Each structure stands twice: as C-alpha cells, then as structure tokens.
Amino acid sequence: MRFPPSLNLALAAYLGKKRLQRQEKFPLVLMLEPTHLCNLNCTGCGRIQEYRDTLGHMLTLEECLEAAEECGAPVVTLTGGEPLVYPPIFELVQELLQKPKHIYLCTNGLLLEKALTRLRPSPRLTLSLHLDGLAPTHDRIIGRPGGFQQVIKAIKKAKARGFQVITNTSIYRETDIREIEILFAYLTQLNINGLLVSPAFSFEMLETDFFLSREEIHEKFRQLTQNGNSFKFYSSPLYLKFLRGERSYDCTPWANPTCTPQGWRSPCYQISDGHFPTFNDLMAKTDWQRYGVDRDPRCRQCMMHSGFEPTIVRTLGKDIRDLWEMLRWNLS
C-alpha cells in the first residue's frame, strides 16, 4: 500500500465529514514552519532570502501545537528552514503524534543521522529527505561537498530502524532526466517508501534562469514518467498526467495553509502577500479569487504538488475511471 492504512482512514473520515458539512474551503495539510533557520543556503530556495530579517524568530512549542489545533488538518508537514535545528523538534513530533496527527518531517538530511536516536518509528511519521540529483549535482545545489553521501547514510540508518522514508526531488531547467532515473533506481534499491517529484517553484527573489516554463515541465515529465520505469512515485498518477500536460487543474491554495513565525502566510506556501495572526483570518480575509494560473503572473508557471494534488483529492469521485486509477495506485 502506498500510504499507511491509518492515513487513508483518517483522510477518508475527514473528507467525508467536510462534505457532509458542505464546507467548500478546508485544509488538508498544515505546512508548519517553526523556524526559518537552516544549515544550508540552497540554490533554488527562496526562504532564507525572503525571511532574512527575521531568521532568528521561532514559534514556541505551544504556538506550534495551537496552530495544529486551530487548523484541524489531519496531516502536518514540519518544514522550514530546517526543522531539525528547531530546539524542541522532538517534543513537537511526540505531541503531534499524540493528537493524533500524521507527520511528514521534511529535512535536508544532514542532521538526521544524529536525530534518529531521539525519534521513534511510527506509522504516522514519515521522514522526507530532499535529493535533487546524484552526488555532484546535489552537492552543488546545496553548496555542501559530501552532502549527498550524508543523506544516503541517513536514509540507510532510518530504514534499518524501521522508519518510513520518502525522498523529495525538485526538477529544474538544467536537470538531466537520465540522472534522475539513475537516482530513482538507486533509491528504489534502498527500499525507499516513495519518490515525491515536482517542478521547482520560481521564487521572485531568485533572479535565475534555471526554473522551468510549463511547456518545459511537460517535456521533462514526459521523459521521466513515460519510459517504462516502474518507480514507486509518491506523486499521484493524476498529478503526473497533469505535469505531462495531459490534464488541466485549478490550484487549491487554501488546502495547504502555512504557519510561520510571522503568522499565517497568505495565500500559499510559495507566494507571500502578507501574514495573518490566525488561521480563521487567513481563510476569511484572503481574496482567493485573485490567485491562479490565469489571474496572477506569479502563478503562471507553477505546477507544484502542494497546490494541485489537493485539487485532485477534493475532485475525486467525479470520474469513476480516475477513482479506480487512484485506488490501484494507492494499493500498489
């Protein structure tokens, strides 16, 4: 099964409740950023530049737990920044597991090996490690020689200790798809639980030309997903069709609300037009109709999983063939 049974049951119950309540806008995943501090300054990341004046700010443990309660989403992604530099990270994980929430701990992996001694495997805890290529490429992107081998070592130890581990790979204009195929084949040999892959988002403050246009995204993902490789993608088959240009979906920005030390980020994880003090303010005061591929130029090339996978989830059932395809994928 692609996802733990407990997660499937929790999401099904949550979605059923929201539909019975006829609630149009509701969160699926809380993107919780307790700190923006990071031990890296990666080429394609806009977070450190965006929050450079407030990098020392952190949410307290109590504020993190209040955010999870206020939002109510069944899934919490701990991100940043690097969440493993957040002092009470282990207490936060344990408290969220007791709520109970399903947690994705997103890390660059450099601090994970040491952290494993203070984490316990759980069907509701998944470790997500970022890898953007084989050693030369990945180390260049993160600016840390030897970084790739540190991540691989951490993956092996985490798997040996019984943790669920997935990897997250961003695709850039310069990405060599053949290299990504070799990377995915290697990770498959390590018995990885899933491969999450998505085009990188072109943050405004990064004046570079290595981000993809939509047409380039279509071509890259046709190469990656139509060559017969049976990789265990964590990205859904309908999302991969969307990336190949075979489907058209609207973004669902409110499904993955982001809470940061500055407040609730509006409108989404990628774009910030301000912050609200409460989740209810975010939902009520954000003009959601302003955003989207045809409405905001910053959204024009965006095909990020955080905005479009929720659209697929909330529209499932409209086409029985799509429902069957998603069911077969989840059970594989």
Protein backbone atom coordinates (compact mmCIF):
# COMPACT_ATOMS: atom_id res chain seq x y z
CA MET A 1 0.00 0.00 0.00
CA ARG A 2 1.32 3.43 -0.99
CA PHE A 3 0.25 5.15 2.25
CA PRO A 4 -0.18 3.76 5.78
CA PRO A 5 -3.73 2.46 6.35
CA SER A 6 -4.14 4.87 9.26
CA LEU A 7 -3.55 7.83 6.93
CA ASN A 8 -6.04 6.54 4.37
CA LEU A 9 -8.68 6.09 7.06
CA ALA A 10 -8.00 9.50 8.64
CA LEU A 11 -8.24 11.31 5.30
CA ALA A 12 -11.38 9.43 4.25
CA ALA A 13 -13.12 10.25 7.54
CA TYR A 14 -12.00 13.88 7.40
CA LEU A 15 -13.12 14.38 3.79
CA GLY A 16 -16.43 12.68 4.48
CA LYS A 17 -17.07 14.98 7.44
CA LYS A 18 -16.28 18.12 5.44
CA ARG A 19 -18.54 17.04 2.59
CA LEU A 20 -21.40 16.32 4.97
CA GLN A 21 -20.89 19.79 6.41
CA ARG A 22 -20.91 21.18 2.84
CA GLN A 23 -17.73 23.09 3.64
CA GLU A 24 -16.21 24.44 0.44
CA LYS A 25 -12.77 25.52 1.67
CA PHE A 26 -10.88 23.46 4.22
CA PRO A 27 -7.24 22.45 4.82
CA LEU A 28 -5.84 19.03 4.06
CA VAL A 29 -2.24 19.53 5.18
CA LEU A 30 -0.80 22.07 7.60
CA MET A 31 2.60 23.33 6.46
CA LEU A 32 4.17 24.17 9.81
CA GLU A 33 7.40 26.18 9.78
CA PRO A 34 8.56 26.54 13.39
CA THR A 35 11.76 28.27 12.21
CA HIS A 36 13.32 29.59 9.02
CA LEU A 37 16.84 28.93 10.23
CA CYS A 38 18.70 26.47 8.05
CA ASN A 39 22.13 24.88 7.94
CA LEU A 40 22.18 25.31 4.14
CA ASN A 41 21.61 28.03 1.56
CA CYS A 42 20.41 26.04 -1.44
CA THR A 43 20.44 27.50 -4.93
CA GLY A 44 16.72 27.10 -5.61
CA CYS A 45 15.35 28.09 -2.18
CA GLY A 46 13.80 31.49 -1.61
CA ARG A 47 13.03 31.09 2.09
CA ILE A 48 16.30 32.39 3.57
CA GLN A 49 16.27 35.42 1.26
CA GLU A 50 12.60 36.16 1.93
CA TYR A 51 12.85 35.94 5.72
CA ARG A 52 16.45 37.14 6.08
CA ASP A 53 15.43 39.92 8.51
CA THR A 54 13.57 37.54 10.83
CA LEU A 55 15.61 34.34 10.60
CA GLY A 56 16.10 34.30 14.36
CA HIS A 57 12.35 34.24 15.06
CA MET A 58 10.77 30.95 16.10
CA LEU A 59 7.37 29.67 17.07
CA THR A 60 7.18 28.33 20.60
CA LEU A 61 6.20 24.72 21.12
CA GLU A 62 2.84 25.89 22.42
CA GLU A 63 2.27 28.09 19.35
CA CYS A 64 3.04 25.14 17.06
CA LEU A 65 0.51 22.94 18.86
CA GLU A 66 -2.08 25.71 18.85
CA ALA A 67 -1.62 26.12 15.09
CA ALA A 68 -2.22 22.41 14.54
CA GLU A 69 -5.35 22.56 16.69
CA GLU A 70 -6.64 25.75 15.08
CA CYS A 71 -6.11 24.47 11.54
CA GLY A 72 -7.53 21.00 12.20
CA ALA A 73 -5.91 19.30 9.18
CA PRO A 74 -5.20 15.59 9.74
CA VAL A 75 -1.69 15.90 8.27
CA VAL A 76 1.13 18.17 9.44
CA THR A 77 4.26 18.77 7.39
CA LEU A 78 7.14 20.06 9.50
CA THR A 79 9.26 22.21 7.24
CA GLY A 80 11.15 25.47 7.21
CA GLY A 81 14.05 26.23 7.17
CA GLU A 82 15.46 23.04 8.55
CA PRO A 83 13.12 21.67 11.24
CA LEU A 84 15.91 19.66 12.90
CA VAL A 85 17.57 22.93 14.02
CA TYR A 86 14.38 23.83 15.94
CA PRO A 87 15.26 23.15 19.61
CA PRO A 88 12.00 21.42 20.74
CA ILE A 89 11.54 19.48 17.47
CA PHE A 90 11.43 16.08 19.20
CA GLU A 91 8.85 17.25 21.73
CA LEU A 92 6.81 18.75 18.88
CA VAL A 93 6.82 15.47 16.96
CA GLN A 94 5.70 13.49 20.01
CA GLU A 95 2.95 15.96 20.90
CA LEU A 96 1.58 15.94 17.34
CA LEU A 97 1.62 12.14 17.23
CA GLN A 98 -0.43 12.05 20.41
CA LYS A 99 -3.13 14.38 18.99
CA PRO A 100 -3.08 12.19 16.72
CA LYS A 101 -1.72 13.77 13.54
CA HIS A 102 0.12 12.25 10.60
CA ILE A 103 3.51 13.92 10.27
CA TYR A 104 5.90 14.48 7.39
CA LEU A 105 9.24 15.65 8.74
CA CYS A 106 10.94 17.41 5.80
CA THR A 107 14.69 17.65 6.18
CA ASN A 108 17.80 18.15 4.08
CA GLY A 109 19.11 15.06 5.90
CA LEU A 110 22.43 16.43 7.16
CA LEU A 111 21.34 16.32 10.81
CA LEU A 112 19.09 13.28 10.54
CA GLU A 113 21.54 10.51 11.45
CA LYS A 114 22.13 12.02 14.89
CA ALA A 115 18.44 12.85 15.31
CA LEU A 116 17.38 9.22 14.76
CA THR A 117 18.44 8.39 18.31
CA ARG A 118 15.66 10.68 19.58
CA LEU A 119 12.92 9.72 17.13
CA ARG A 120 10.77 6.60 17.25
CA PRO A 121 9.27 4.89 14.21
CA SER A 122 5.52 5.30 13.89
CA PRO A 123 3.01 4.55 11.10
CA ARG A 124 2.04 8.22 11.43
CA LEU A 125 5.57 9.58 11.00
CA THR A 126 7.26 9.82 7.58
CA LEU A 127 10.74 11.23 7.04
CA SER A 128 11.03 13.22 3.80
CA LEU A 129 14.56 13.90 2.57
CA HIS A 130 15.46 16.26 -0.25
CA LEU A 131 17.66 14.95 -3.07
CA ASP A 132 17.95 16.86 -6.34
CA GLY A 133 20.34 14.58 -8.21
CA LEU A 134 23.37 12.36 -7.82
CA ALA A 135 26.29 13.47 -5.67
CA PRO A 136 27.92 16.12 -7.92
CA THR A 137 24.60 17.79 -8.78
CA HIS A 138 23.04 17.59 -5.33
CA ASP A 139 26.17 18.82 -3.56
CA ARG A 140 26.46 21.76 -5.95
CA ILE A 141 22.81 22.77 -5.41
CA ILE A 142 23.10 22.65 -1.61
CA GLY A 143 26.62 24.08 -1.57
CA ARG A 144 27.96 21.29 0.64
CA PRO A 145 30.53 18.75 -0.60
CA GLY A 146 29.71 15.29 0.72
CA GLY A 147 26.09 16.21 1.39
CA PHE A 148 24.67 13.52 -0.89
CA GLN A 149 26.55 10.75 0.92
CA GLN A 150 25.39 12.08 4.30
CA VAL A 151 21.78 11.89 3.15
CA ILE A 152 22.20 8.37 1.77
CA LYS A 153 23.81 7.25 5.02
CA ALA A 154 20.90 8.72 6.99
CA ILE A 155 18.36 7.01 4.70
CA LYS A 156 20.02 3.62 5.22
CA LYS A 157 20.05 4.04 9.00
CA ALA A 158 16.45 5.27 9.10
CA LYS A 159 15.24 2.33 7.03
CA ALA A 160 17.23 -0.10 9.21
CA ARG A 161 15.48 1.33 12.28
CA GLY A 162 12.02 0.88 10.76
CA PHE A 163 11.17 4.44 9.70
CA GLN A 164 9.03 5.29 6.70
CA VAL A 165 11.24 7.29 4.36
CA ILE A 166 10.41 9.16 1.17
CA THR A 167 12.51 11.49 -0.93
CA ASN A 168 11.57 14.83 -2.46
CA THR A 169 13.17 15.86 -5.76
CA SER A 170 12.82 19.22 -7.50
CA ILE A 171 13.21 19.37 -11.26
CA TYR A 172 14.98 22.41 -12.78
CA ARG A 173 15.69 23.52 -16.34
CA GLU A 174 19.23 22.14 -16.08
CA THR A 175 18.08 18.81 -14.62
CA ASP A 176 19.28 15.78 -16.58
CA ILE A 177 16.34 13.36 -16.59
CA ARG A 178 18.63 10.40 -17.19
CA GLU A 179 20.47 11.33 -13.99
CA ILE A 180 17.16 11.43 -12.10
CA GLU A 181 16.29 7.98 -13.46
CA ILE A 182 19.60 6.63 -12.14
CA LEU A 183 18.97 8.34 -8.79
CA PHE A 184 15.47 6.87 -8.52
CA ALA A 185 16.71 3.41 -9.46
CA TYR A 186 19.34 3.64 -6.71
CA LEU A 187 16.81 4.87 -4.13
CA THR A 188 14.49 2.02 -5.12
CA GLN A 189 17.28 -0.42 -4.24
CA LEU A 190 17.37 1.20 -0.78
CA ASN A 191 13.70 0.19 -0.36
CA ILE A 192 12.51 3.79 -0.19
CA ASN A 193 8.79 4.14 0.62
CA GLY A 194 8.12 6.65 -2.12
CA LEU A 195 9.55 9.19 -4.56
CA LEU A 196 7.98 12.65 -4.49
CA VAL A 197 8.90 14.69 -7.55
CA SER A 198 7.80 18.16 -8.60
CA PRO A 199 8.99 21.07 -10.75
CA ALA A 200 10.81 23.71 -8.70
CA PHE A 201 8.93 26.93 -7.99
CA SER A 202 10.44 30.14 -9.40
CA PHE A 203 10.68 32.34 -6.31
CA GLU A 204 10.58 36.05 -7.20
CA MET A 205 13.70 36.98 -5.23
CA LEU A 206 15.85 34.45 -7.10
CA GLU A 207 16.92 36.09 -10.35
CA THR A 208 17.97 32.97 -12.19
CA ASP A 209 17.04 31.18 -15.39
CA PHE A 210 17.02 27.60 -14.13
CA PHE A 211 13.29 27.42 -13.42
CA LEU A 212 11.01 25.72 -15.94
CA SER A 213 8.17 27.08 -18.04
CA ARG A 214 5.00 24.99 -18.25
CA GLU A 215 5.96 23.70 -21.69
CA GLU A 216 9.38 22.66 -20.37
CA ILE A 217 7.76 20.97 -17.38
CA HIS A 218 5.55 18.93 -19.71
CA GLU A 219 8.56 17.74 -21.70
CA LYS A 220 10.72 16.90 -18.67
CA PHE A 221 7.98 14.85 -17.05
CA ARG A 222 7.10 13.05 -20.26
CA GLN A 223 10.71 11.91 -20.37
CA LEU A 224 10.71 10.89 -16.69
CA THR A 225 7.40 9.05 -16.42
CA GLN A 226 6.71 7.55 -19.84
CA ASN A 227 9.84 5.47 -20.32
CA GLY A 228 8.66 2.23 -18.72
CA ASN A 229 10.41 2.61 -15.36
CA SER A 230 8.24 1.29 -12.53
CA PHE A 231 9.36 3.76 -9.88
CA LYS A 232 7.33 3.99 -6.68
CA PHE A 233 6.19 7.56 -7.12
CA TYR A 234 4.62 9.26 -4.10
CA SER A 235 3.19 11.79 -6.55
CA SER A 236 -0.22 10.55 -7.69
CA PRO A 237 -0.72 9.26 -11.26
CA LEU A 238 -3.24 12.03 -11.98
CA TYR A 239 -0.74 14.67 -10.85
CA LEU A 240 1.91 13.13 -13.10
CA LYS A 241 -0.57 13.33 -16.00
CA PHE A 242 -1.04 17.00 -15.13
CA LEU A 243 2.74 17.54 -15.21
CA ARG A 244 2.91 15.87 -18.63
CA GLY A 245 0.23 18.26 -19.93
CA GLU A 246 -2.46 15.58 -20.21
CA ARG A 247 -4.73 17.14 -17.57
CA SER A 248 -5.74 20.65 -16.56
CA TYR A 249 -6.43 21.51 -12.92
CA ASP A 250 -7.00 24.70 -10.96
CA CYS A 251 -4.82 25.31 -7.91
CA THR A 252 -6.25 24.84 -4.42
CA PRO A 253 -4.05 27.23 -2.41
CA TRP A 254 -6.06 27.08 0.80
CA ALA A 255 -5.67 23.29 1.15
CA ASN A 256 -2.07 23.55 2.40
CA PRO A 257 -2.05 26.59 4.74
CA THR A 258 1.37 27.64 6.01
CA CYS A 259 2.04 28.82 9.56
CA THR A 260 5.35 30.61 10.15
CA PRO A 261 6.94 32.66 12.95
CA GLN A 262 5.48 35.71 11.15
CA GLY A 263 1.94 34.31 11.18
CA TRP A 264 -0.30 32.51 8.68
CA ARG A 265 1.23 33.07 5.24
CA SER A 266 -1.18 34.29 2.53
CA PRO A 267 -2.00 32.99 0.01
CA CYS A 268 0.19 29.87 -0.12
CA TYR A 269 3.46 28.14 0.65
CA GLN A 270 5.14 29.61 -2.45
CA ILE A 271 3.73 33.16 -2.57
CA SER A 272 3.50 35.65 0.29
CA ASP A 273 1.39 38.81 0.11
CA GLY A 274 1.32 39.09 3.89
CA HIS A 275 0.65 37.19 7.10
CA PHE A 276 -2.44 36.87 9.29
CA PRO A 277 -2.46 36.34 13.07
CA THR A 278 -4.97 33.46 12.97
CA PHE A 279 -5.97 30.64 10.65
CA ASN A 280 -9.56 31.92 10.54
CA ASP A 281 -8.29 35.33 9.39
CA LEU A 282 -6.24 33.65 6.66
CA MET A 283 -9.25 31.78 5.34
CA ALA A 284 -11.73 34.66 5.64
CA LYS A 285 -9.58 37.62 4.59
CA THR A 286 -7.51 36.20 1.74
CA ASP A 287 -9.01 37.08 -1.63
CA TRP A 288 -8.60 33.59 -3.09
CA GLN A 289 -10.09 34.63 -6.43
CA ARG A 290 -7.03 36.80 -7.12
CA TYR A 291 -4.73 33.80 -7.47
CA GLY A 292 -4.33 31.19 -10.17
CA VAL A 293 -2.56 30.50 -13.45
CA ASP A 294 -4.65 32.99 -15.42
CA ARG A 295 -5.01 35.58 -12.67
CA ASP A 296 -1.61 36.19 -11.07
CA PRO A 297 1.63 36.22 -13.12
CA ARG A 298 3.49 34.59 -10.21
CA CYS A 299 1.22 31.54 -10.61
CA ARG A 300 1.67 31.26 -14.37
CA GLN A 301 4.38 28.60 -14.43
CA CYS A 302 3.55 26.96 -11.09
CA MET A 303 2.67 23.26 -11.12
CA MET A 304 3.72 22.50 -7.53
CA HIS A 305 2.28 19.41 -5.87
CA SER A 306 1.23 21.46 -2.81
CA GLY A 307 -1.28 23.38 -4.90
CA PHE A 308 -2.53 20.76 -7.34
CA GLU A 309 -2.51 17.40 -5.51
CA PRO A 310 -5.23 18.75 -3.15
CA THR A 311 -7.34 19.63 -6.20
CA ILE A 312 -7.11 16.01 -7.33
CA VAL A 313 -8.10 14.76 -3.87
CA ARG A 314 -11.11 17.03 -3.49
CA THR A 315 -12.43 16.30 -7.01
CA LEU A 316 -12.08 12.51 -6.79
CA GLY A 317 -15.33 10.74 -7.48
CA LYS A 318 -16.39 12.90 -10.42
CA ASP A 319 -14.91 10.33 -12.80
CA ILE A 320 -15.06 6.65 -11.82
CA ARG A 321 -12.01 5.91 -14.01
CA ASP A 322 -9.90 8.41 -12.09
CA LEU A 323 -11.12 6.96 -8.81
CA TRP A 324 -10.19 3.45 -9.92
CA GLU A 325 -6.76 4.60 -11.13
CA MET A 326 -6.04 6.28 -7.80
CA LEU A 327 -7.23 3.22 -5.87
CA ARG A 328 -4.98 0.86 -7.85
CA TRP A 329 -2.03 3.22 -7.38
CA ASN A 330 -2.59 3.51 -3.63
CA LEU A 331 -2.81 -0.27 -3.24
CA SER A 332 0.34 -0.92 -5.30
